[in-house]
Amino acid sequence: MTTKHGSLSEQEIKRLQGGELILNGYDNNDIAEIVGVSLCAVRKWRKKLANNNDDMTCLVRKQGAGRPSKLNETQKTPLKDIDAVPVEVEVDCADIGMPAVIFL
């Protein structure tokens, strides 16, 4: 399934799996365990479904209300090819006298 944002994200897949389990009568605790999310998330999904007549599309990400992009599609294309590589930075933690490694 694709959306106006392209393919479904991992979060959206979890929401839809959870929604399916809700509609099939599963308990919140069971859903949280099966899908791998918090109980709070399951409660939000259940409430959202109830407020939208059990329409599963309410669990899919909607278009953001933020400022429109200043880049056109041609300008965005090369940015999609950039891989986000974690950078390792060593920090000396003077408080405990031990070096710590932080991933940014």
N, C-alpha and C. Protein backbone atom coordinates (compact mmCIF):
# COMPACT_ATOMS: atom_id res chain seq x y z
N MET A 1 0.85 -1.19 0.00
CA MET A 1 0.00 0.00 0.00
C MET A 1 0.88 1.24 0.00
N THR A 2 0.50 2.21 -0.80
CA THR A 2 1.23 3.48 -0.80
C THR A 2 0.27 4.60 -0.44
N THR A 3 0.86 5.69 0.02
CA THR A 3 0.09 6.86 0.41
C THR A 3 0.58 8.04 -0.40
N LYS A 4 0.04 9.22 -0.12
CA LYS A 4 0.51 10.40 -0.83
C LYS A 4 1.94 10.75 -0.46
N HIS A 5 2.49 10.06 0.58
CA HIS A 5 3.87 10.28 1.00
C HIS A 5 4.78 9.17 0.47
N GLY A 6 4.26 8.30 -0.39
CA GLY A 6 5.04 7.18 -0.90
C GLY A 6 4.67 5.90 -0.17
N SER A 7 5.66 5.08 0.10
CA SER A 7 5.42 3.82 0.80
C SER A 7 5.09 4.07 2.26
N LEU A 8 4.45 3.09 2.88
CA LEU A 8 4.11 3.21 4.30
C LEU A 8 5.37 3.13 5.14
N SER A 9 5.43 3.95 6.18
CA SER A 9 6.55 3.91 7.10
C SER A 9 6.35 2.74 8.06
N GLU A 10 7.40 2.41 8.80
CA GLU A 10 7.32 1.33 9.78
C GLU A 10 6.26 1.66 10.83
N GLN A 11 6.18 2.93 11.23
CA GLN A 11 5.16 3.35 12.21
C GLN A 11 3.76 3.15 11.67
N GLU A 12 3.56 3.53 10.42
CA GLU A 12 2.23 3.39 9.82
C GLU A 12 1.82 1.92 9.72
N ILE A 13 2.78 1.07 9.40
CA ILE A 13 2.49 -0.36 9.33
C ILE A 13 2.07 -0.87 10.70
N LYS A 14 2.77 -0.44 11.75
CA LYS A 14 2.41 -0.85 13.11
C LYS A 14 1.02 -0.35 13.47
N ARG A 15 0.72 0.92 13.11
CA ARG A 15 -0.60 1.47 13.42
C ARG A 15 -1.70 0.68 12.72
N LEU A 16 -1.47 0.33 11.45
CA LEU A 16 -2.47 -0.43 10.71
C LEU A 16 -2.62 -1.85 11.24
N GLN A 17 -1.50 -2.48 11.64
CA GLN A 17 -1.59 -3.80 12.26
C GLN A 17 -2.38 -3.70 13.56
N GLY A 18 -2.07 -2.68 14.36
CA GLY A 18 -2.79 -2.49 15.61
C GLY A 18 -4.26 -2.23 15.37
N GLY A 19 -4.57 -1.42 14.37
CA GLY A 19 -5.96 -1.12 14.03
C GLY A 19 -6.72 -2.37 13.64
N GLU A 20 -6.07 -3.22 12.88
CA GLU A 20 -6.69 -4.49 12.47
C GLU A 20 -6.99 -5.35 13.69
N LEU A 21 -6.05 -5.40 14.62
CA LEU A 21 -6.26 -6.18 15.85
C LEU A 21 -7.37 -5.58 16.71
N ILE A 22 -7.44 -4.24 16.75
CA ILE A 22 -8.52 -3.58 17.50
C ILE A 22 -9.87 -3.97 16.92
N LEU A 23 -9.98 -3.89 15.60
CA LEU A 23 -11.24 -4.21 14.94
C LEU A 23 -11.60 -5.69 15.08
N ASN A 24 -10.60 -6.53 15.34
CA ASN A 24 -10.85 -7.96 15.54
C ASN A 24 -11.05 -8.31 17.00
N GLY A 25 -11.17 -7.29 17.86
CA GLY A 25 -11.54 -7.52 19.24
C GLY A 25 -10.43 -7.84 20.22
N TYR A 26 -9.18 -7.63 19.83
CA TYR A 26 -8.07 -7.93 20.74
C TYR A 26 -8.02 -6.91 21.88
N ASP A 27 -7.45 -7.32 23.00
CA ASP A 27 -7.27 -6.50 24.19
C ASP A 27 -6.07 -5.55 23.98
N ASN A 28 -6.13 -4.36 24.58
CA ASN A 28 -5.06 -3.37 24.43
C ASN A 28 -3.69 -3.93 24.80
N ASN A 29 -3.62 -4.66 25.92
CA ASN A 29 -2.34 -5.22 26.35
C ASN A 29 -1.78 -6.20 25.32
N ASP A 30 -2.63 -7.02 24.77
CA ASP A 30 -2.20 -7.99 23.76
C ASP A 30 -1.70 -7.28 22.50
N ILE A 31 -2.43 -6.25 22.09
CA ILE A 31 -2.04 -5.49 20.89
C ILE A 31 -0.69 -4.84 21.09
N ALA A 32 -0.49 -4.20 22.24
CA ALA A 32 0.78 -3.54 22.53
C ALA A 32 1.94 -4.54 22.46
N GLU A 33 1.72 -5.72 22.99
CA GLU A 33 2.76 -6.75 22.99
C GLU A 33 3.00 -7.29 21.58
N ILE A 34 1.95 -7.57 20.85
CA ILE A 34 2.07 -8.14 19.51
C ILE A 34 2.76 -7.16 18.56
N VAL A 35 2.32 -5.89 18.59
CA VAL A 35 2.83 -4.90 17.63
C VAL A 35 4.15 -4.30 18.10
N GLY A 36 4.40 -4.33 19.41
CA GLY A 36 5.64 -3.78 19.93
C GLY A 36 5.59 -2.28 20.17
N VAL A 37 4.46 -1.83 20.73
CA VAL A 37 4.28 -0.41 21.03
C VAL A 37 3.80 -0.25 22.46
N SER A 38 3.67 1.00 22.90
CA SER A 38 3.19 1.26 24.25
C SER A 38 1.67 1.10 24.33
N LEU A 39 1.21 0.90 25.53
CA LEU A 39 -0.23 0.81 25.79
C LEU A 39 -0.90 2.13 25.43
N CYS A 40 -0.21 3.23 25.70
CA CYS A 40 -0.74 4.56 25.39
C CYS A 40 -1.01 4.70 23.88
N ALA A 41 -0.10 4.18 23.06
CA ALA A 41 -0.28 4.25 21.60
C ALA A 41 -1.53 3.49 21.18
N VAL A 42 -1.72 2.31 21.76
CA VAL A 42 -2.89 1.49 21.41
C VAL A 42 -4.17 2.21 21.81
N ARG A 43 -4.16 2.83 22.99
CA ARG A 43 -5.35 3.58 23.42
C ARG A 43 -5.67 4.72 22.45
N LYS A 44 -4.64 5.41 21.97
CA LYS A 44 -4.84 6.51 21.00
C LYS A 44 -5.43 5.98 19.70
N TRP A 45 -4.91 4.84 19.23
CA TRP A 45 -5.44 4.24 18.00
C TRP A 45 -6.89 3.85 18.17
N ARG A 46 -7.20 3.25 19.31
CA ARG A 46 -8.58 2.81 19.57
C ARG A 46 -9.52 4.02 19.56
N LYS A 47 -9.10 5.10 20.21
CA LYS A 47 -9.92 6.32 20.28
C LYS A 47 -10.08 6.93 18.89
N LYS A 48 -8.98 6.95 18.14
CA LYS A 48 -9.02 7.51 16.78
C LYS A 48 -9.98 6.72 15.90
N LEU A 49 -9.91 5.40 15.98
CA LEU A 49 -10.81 4.56 15.20
C LEU A 49 -12.27 4.78 15.60
N ALA A 50 -12.52 4.88 16.90
CA ALA A 50 -13.89 5.11 17.39
C ALA A 50 -14.44 6.43 16.89
N ASN A 51 -13.59 7.46 16.84
CA ASN A 51 -14.02 8.79 16.39
C ASN A 51 -14.16 8.88 14.88
N ASN A 52 -13.65 7.87 14.15
CA ASN A 52 -13.71 7.88 12.68
C ASN A 52 -14.45 6.68 12.12
N ASN A 53 -15.44 6.19 12.87
CA ASN A 53 -16.29 5.08 12.41
C ASN A 53 -15.48 3.87 11.95
N ASP A 54 -14.43 3.54 12.69
CA ASP A 54 -13.57 2.38 12.39
C ASP A 54 -12.94 2.45 11.00
N ASP A 55 -12.74 3.65 10.49
CA ASP A 55 -12.09 3.83 9.19
C ASP A 55 -10.57 3.77 9.40
N MET A 56 -9.93 2.73 8.89
CA MET A 56 -8.50 2.50 9.10
C MET A 56 -7.63 3.59 8.50
N THR A 57 -8.13 4.33 7.54
CA THR A 57 -7.32 5.38 6.93
C THR A 57 -6.97 6.49 7.92
N CYS A 58 -7.71 6.56 9.03
CA CYS A 58 -7.39 7.58 10.04
C CYS A 58 -6.07 7.28 10.73
N LEU A 59 -5.54 6.06 10.58
CA LEU A 59 -4.28 5.70 11.21
C LEU A 59 -3.08 5.95 10.31
N VAL A 60 -3.33 6.34 9.05
CA VAL A 60 -2.25 6.62 8.11
C VAL A 60 -1.88 8.09 8.22
N ARG A 61 -0.60 8.39 8.07
CA ARG A 61 -0.09 9.75 8.18
C ARG A 61 -0.80 10.68 7.20
N LYS A 62 -1.14 11.86 7.69
CA LYS A 62 -1.79 12.88 6.86
C LYS A 62 -0.75 13.89 6.38
N GLN A 63 -1.13 14.67 5.40
CA GLN A 63 -0.27 15.73 4.90
C GLN A 63 0.02 16.71 6.03
N GLY A 64 1.26 17.07 6.20
CA GLY A 64 1.65 18.01 7.25
C GLY A 64 1.09 19.40 7.02
N ALA A 65 0.89 20.12 8.09
CA ALA A 65 0.34 21.46 7.99
C ALA A 65 1.44 22.51 8.06
N GLY A 66 2.68 22.09 7.99
CA GLY A 66 3.81 23.01 8.10
C GLY A 66 3.99 23.85 6.85
N ARG A 67 5.04 24.63 6.87
CA ARG A 67 5.37 25.50 5.74
C ARG A 67 5.70 24.66 4.51
N PRO A 68 5.20 25.06 3.35
CA PRO A 68 5.51 24.32 2.12
C PRO A 68 7.01 24.39 1.82
N SER A 69 7.53 23.35 1.18
CA SER A 69 8.94 23.31 0.83
C SER A 69 9.27 24.40 -0.18
N LYS A 70 10.47 24.96 -0.04
CA LYS A 70 10.93 25.95 -1.01
C LYS A 70 11.67 25.29 -2.16
N LEU A 71 11.93 23.99 -2.01
CA LEU A 71 12.62 23.25 -3.06
C LEU A 71 11.61 22.61 -4.01
N ASN A 72 11.95 22.59 -5.29
CA ASN A 72 11.09 21.88 -6.24
C ASN A 72 11.55 20.42 -6.30
N GLU A 73 10.83 19.59 -7.03
CA GLU A 73 11.14 18.15 -7.08
C GLU A 73 12.54 17.89 -7.63
N THR A 74 12.98 18.68 -8.60
CA THR A 74 14.32 18.52 -9.17
C THR A 74 15.39 18.77 -8.12
N GLN A 75 15.18 19.75 -7.27
CA GLN A 75 16.14 20.06 -6.22
C GLN A 75 16.11 19.03 -5.09
N LYS A 76 14.95 18.41 -4.86
CA LYS A 76 14.82 17.42 -3.78
C LYS A 76 15.46 16.08 -4.14
N THR A 77 15.48 15.73 -5.44
CA THR A 77 15.93 14.41 -5.87
C THR A 77 17.33 14.06 -5.36
N PRO A 78 18.35 14.92 -5.53
CA PRO A 78 19.68 14.53 -5.04
C PRO A 78 19.72 14.36 -3.52
N LEU A 79 18.88 15.05 -2.81
CA LEU A 79 18.87 14.95 -1.35
C LEU A 79 18.37 13.59 -0.89
N LYS A 80 17.51 12.96 -1.68
CA LYS A 80 16.98 11.65 -1.32
C LYS A 80 18.06 10.57 -1.40
N ASP A 81 19.14 10.83 -2.16
CA ASP A 81 20.21 9.85 -2.33
C ASP A 81 21.26 9.92 -1.24
N ILE A 82 21.21 10.93 -0.41
CA ILE A 82 22.21 11.08 0.66
C ILE A 82 21.89 10.11 1.77
N ASP A 83 22.85 9.30 2.12
CA ASP A 83 22.69 8.35 3.23
C ASP A 83 23.06 9.04 4.53
N ALA A 84 22.22 8.88 5.52
CA ALA A 84 22.52 9.43 6.84
C ALA A 84 23.43 8.44 7.55
N VAL A 85 24.69 8.84 7.73
CA VAL A 85 25.67 7.98 8.38
C VAL A 85 25.92 8.50 9.79
N PRO A 86 25.78 7.62 10.80
CA PRO A 86 26.03 8.08 12.17
C PRO A 86 27.49 8.48 12.34
N VAL A 87 27.71 9.54 13.06
CA VAL A 87 29.05 10.04 13.33
C VAL A 87 29.38 9.72 14.78
N GLU A 88 30.54 9.09 14.99
CA GLU A 88 30.94 8.73 16.34
C GLU A 88 31.81 9.85 16.90
N VAL A 89 31.44 10.35 18.07
CA VAL A 89 32.18 11.41 18.72
C VAL A 89 32.53 10.95 20.12
N GLU A 90 33.82 11.06 20.48
CA GLU A 90 34.22 10.66 21.82
C GLU A 90 34.23 11.89 22.72
N VAL A 91 33.58 11.75 23.86
CA VAL A 91 33.46 12.86 24.81
C VAL A 91 34.06 12.41 26.13
N ASP A 92 34.88 13.26 26.74
CA ASP A 92 35.44 12.93 28.05
C ASP A 92 34.47 13.41 29.12
N CYS A 93 33.92 12.48 29.86
CA CYS A 93 32.98 12.82 30.92
C CYS A 93 33.75 13.08 32.21
N ALA A 94 34.08 14.33 32.47
CA ALA A 94 34.87 14.70 33.64
C ALA A 94 34.16 14.35 34.94
N ASP A 95 32.86 14.35 34.92
CA ASP A 95 32.10 14.06 36.14
C ASP A 95 32.41 12.67 36.69
N ILE A 96 32.57 11.69 35.81
CA ILE A 96 32.81 10.33 36.27
C ILE A 96 34.21 9.84 35.92
N GLY A 97 34.98 10.67 35.23
CA GLY A 97 36.35 10.32 34.90
C GLY A 97 36.49 9.22 33.87
N MET A 98 35.44 9.00 33.06
CA MET A 98 35.49 7.96 32.04
C MET A 98 35.09 8.53 30.70
N PRO A 99 35.72 8.04 29.60
CA PRO A 99 35.27 8.51 28.27
C PRO A 99 33.92 7.88 27.92
N ALA A 100 33.13 8.60 27.22
CA ALA A 100 31.84 8.11 26.76
C ALA A 100 31.77 8.28 25.25
N VAL A 101 31.05 7.41 24.59
CA VAL A 101 30.89 7.50 23.15
C VAL A 101 29.46 7.92 22.87
N ILE A 102 29.30 8.96 22.08
CA ILE A 102 27.98 9.48 21.76
C ILE A 102 27.81 9.37 20.25
N PHE A 103 26.66 8.86 19.81
CA PHE A 103 26.36 8.78 18.38
C PHE A 103 25.42 9.90 18.04
N LEU A 104 25.80 10.70 17.07
CA LEU A 104 24.95 11.81 16.62
C LEU A 104 24.25 11.44 15.36
